[in-house]
Amino acid sequence: MIVENSLAKHIVDDVLNATSTGSYYDGRIIVSDIAEAYVIGSKETGDVAL
């Protein structure tokens, strides 16, 4: 899932609240920056490519 930085914390909190059973095996959420994005066909870059 790719979201704007301003939404990331809210979405992570919602996913944790909705899915956590307290088990180690619930899985992981990894938050990472996207350095660049490109649409090959239109050659758009940046936010519009997301």
N, C-alpha and C. Protein backbone atom coordinates (compact mmCIF):
# COMPACT_ATOMS: atom_id res chain seq x y z
N MET A 1 0.85 -1.16 0.00
CA MET A 1 0.00 0.00 0.00
C MET A 1 0.90 1.23 0.00
N ILE A 2 0.62 2.18 -0.85
CA ILE A 2 1.36 3.43 -0.89
C ILE A 2 0.40 4.56 -0.53
N VAL A 3 0.79 5.35 0.48
CA VAL A 3 -0.05 6.46 0.92
C VAL A 3 0.83 7.68 1.17
N GLU A 4 0.21 8.84 1.23
CA GLU A 4 0.93 10.07 1.56
C GLU A 4 1.44 9.99 2.99
N ASN A 5 2.56 10.65 3.24
CA ASN A 5 3.15 10.64 4.58
C ASN A 5 2.16 11.08 5.65
N SER A 6 1.34 12.07 5.32
CA SER A 6 0.41 12.61 6.31
C SER A 6 -0.65 11.60 6.73
N LEU A 7 -0.87 10.56 5.93
CA LEU A 7 -1.88 9.55 6.24
C LEU A 7 -1.30 8.28 6.86
N ALA A 8 0.00 8.10 6.77
CA ALA A 8 0.63 6.83 7.14
C ALA A 8 0.34 6.42 8.58
N LYS A 9 0.54 7.28 9.54
CA LYS A 9 0.35 6.93 10.95
C LYS A 9 -1.10 6.53 11.21
N HIS A 10 -2.03 7.27 10.66
CA HIS A 10 -3.45 6.98 10.84
C HIS A 10 -3.79 5.60 10.27
N ILE A 11 -3.29 5.31 9.09
CA ILE A 11 -3.59 4.02 8.45
C ILE A 11 -2.94 2.88 9.21
N VAL A 12 -1.71 3.05 9.65
CA VAL A 12 -1.04 2.01 10.44
C VAL A 12 -1.84 1.74 11.71
N ASP A 13 -2.25 2.79 12.40
CA ASP A 13 -3.03 2.61 13.63
C ASP A 13 -4.33 1.86 13.35
N ASP A 14 -5.02 2.22 12.27
CA ASP A 14 -6.27 1.54 11.90
C ASP A 14 -6.05 0.06 11.61
N VAL A 15 -5.00 -0.25 10.85
CA VAL A 15 -4.71 -1.65 10.52
C VAL A 15 -4.35 -2.42 11.78
N LEU A 16 -3.53 -1.85 12.65
CA LEU A 16 -3.17 -2.53 13.90
C LEU A 16 -4.40 -2.79 14.76
N ASN A 17 -5.25 -1.79 14.89
CA ASN A 17 -6.45 -1.96 15.72
C ASN A 17 -7.41 -2.99 15.14
N ALA A 18 -7.48 -3.08 13.82
CA ALA A 18 -8.43 -3.99 13.18
C ALA A 18 -7.92 -5.43 13.08
N THR A 19 -6.60 -5.62 13.10
CA THR A 19 -6.08 -6.95 12.78
C THR A 19 -5.27 -7.61 13.88
N SER A 20 -4.83 -6.88 14.87
CA SER A 20 -3.94 -7.45 15.88
C SER A 20 -4.67 -8.40 16.82
N THR A 21 -4.11 -9.60 16.96
CA THR A 21 -4.62 -10.56 17.94
C THR A 21 -3.69 -10.67 19.13
N GLY A 22 -2.55 -9.97 19.05
CA GLY A 22 -1.56 -10.05 20.10
C GLY A 22 -0.53 -11.14 19.87
N SER A 23 -0.69 -11.88 18.80
CA SER A 23 0.22 -12.98 18.49
C SER A 23 1.44 -12.47 17.71
N TYR A 24 2.57 -13.09 17.96
CA TYR A 24 3.79 -12.81 17.21
C TYR A 24 3.55 -13.03 15.72
N TYR A 25 2.68 -13.95 15.39
CA TYR A 25 2.44 -14.34 14.00
C TYR A 25 1.41 -13.47 13.28
N ASP A 26 0.99 -12.37 13.89
CA ASP A 26 0.06 -11.45 13.23
C ASP A 26 0.67 -10.84 11.97
N GLY A 27 1.96 -10.78 11.90
CA GLY A 27 2.63 -10.22 10.73
C GLY A 27 3.33 -8.91 11.05
N ARG A 28 3.68 -8.20 10.02
CA ARG A 28 4.45 -6.97 10.18
C ARG A 28 3.88 -5.89 9.26
N ILE A 29 4.08 -4.66 9.67
CA ILE A 29 3.85 -3.50 8.82
C ILE A 29 5.19 -2.80 8.72
N ILE A 30 5.63 -2.56 7.52
CA ILE A 30 6.90 -1.87 7.32
C ILE A 30 6.60 -0.56 6.59
N VAL A 31 7.06 0.54 7.15
CA VAL A 31 6.85 1.85 6.55
C VAL A 31 8.18 2.30 5.96
N SER A 32 8.13 2.70 4.70
CA SER A 32 9.35 3.07 3.99
C SER A 32 9.06 4.23 3.04
N ASP A 33 10.07 5.04 2.79
CA ASP A 33 9.94 6.12 1.82
C ASP A 33 10.05 5.56 0.40
N ILE A 34 9.33 6.18 -0.52
CA ILE A 34 9.44 5.86 -1.94
C ILE A 34 10.33 6.94 -2.55
N ALA A 35 11.48 6.54 -3.08
CA ALA A 35 12.42 7.52 -3.63
C ALA A 35 11.92 8.11 -4.94
N GLU A 36 11.42 7.27 -5.83
CA GLU A 36 10.94 7.73 -7.12
C GLU A 36 9.88 6.78 -7.63
N ALA A 37 9.00 7.30 -8.48
CA ALA A 37 7.98 6.47 -9.13
C ALA A 37 7.82 6.96 -10.56
N TYR A 38 7.59 6.01 -11.47
CA TYR A 38 7.44 6.34 -12.89
C TYR A 38 6.29 5.55 -13.48
N VAL A 39 5.54 6.18 -14.38
CA VAL A 39 4.56 5.48 -15.20
C VAL A 39 5.23 5.30 -16.56
N ILE A 40 5.47 4.08 -16.95
CA ILE A 40 6.23 3.82 -18.17
C ILE A 40 5.53 4.38 -19.40
N GLY A 41 4.24 4.11 -19.55
CA GLY A 41 3.52 4.52 -20.75
C GLY A 41 3.46 6.02 -20.95
N SER A 42 3.14 6.77 -19.89
CA SER A 42 2.98 8.22 -20.01
C SER A 42 4.24 8.99 -19.63
N LYS A 43 5.19 8.29 -19.05
CA LYS A 43 6.44 8.88 -18.59
C LYS A 43 6.23 9.90 -17.47
N GLU A 44 5.09 9.82 -16.78
CA GLU A 44 4.85 10.69 -15.63
C GLU A 44 5.75 10.25 -14.48
N THR A 45 6.12 11.22 -13.66
CA THR A 45 6.95 10.93 -12.49
C THR A 45 6.37 11.64 -11.28
N GLY A 46 6.93 11.32 -10.13
CA GLY A 46 6.51 11.98 -8.91
C GLY A 46 5.18 11.49 -8.39
N ASP A 47 4.46 12.36 -7.68
CA ASP A 47 3.20 11.98 -7.04
C ASP A 47 2.15 11.48 -8.03
N VAL A 48 2.11 12.05 -9.23
CA VAL A 48 1.11 11.61 -10.21
C VAL A 48 1.36 10.18 -10.66
N ALA A 49 2.58 9.69 -10.50
CA ALA A 49 2.90 8.31 -10.89
C ALA A 49 2.43 7.31 -9.85
N LEU A 50 2.04 7.79 -8.70
CA LEU A 50 1.57 6.89 -7.65
C LEU A 50 0.08 6.71 -7.77
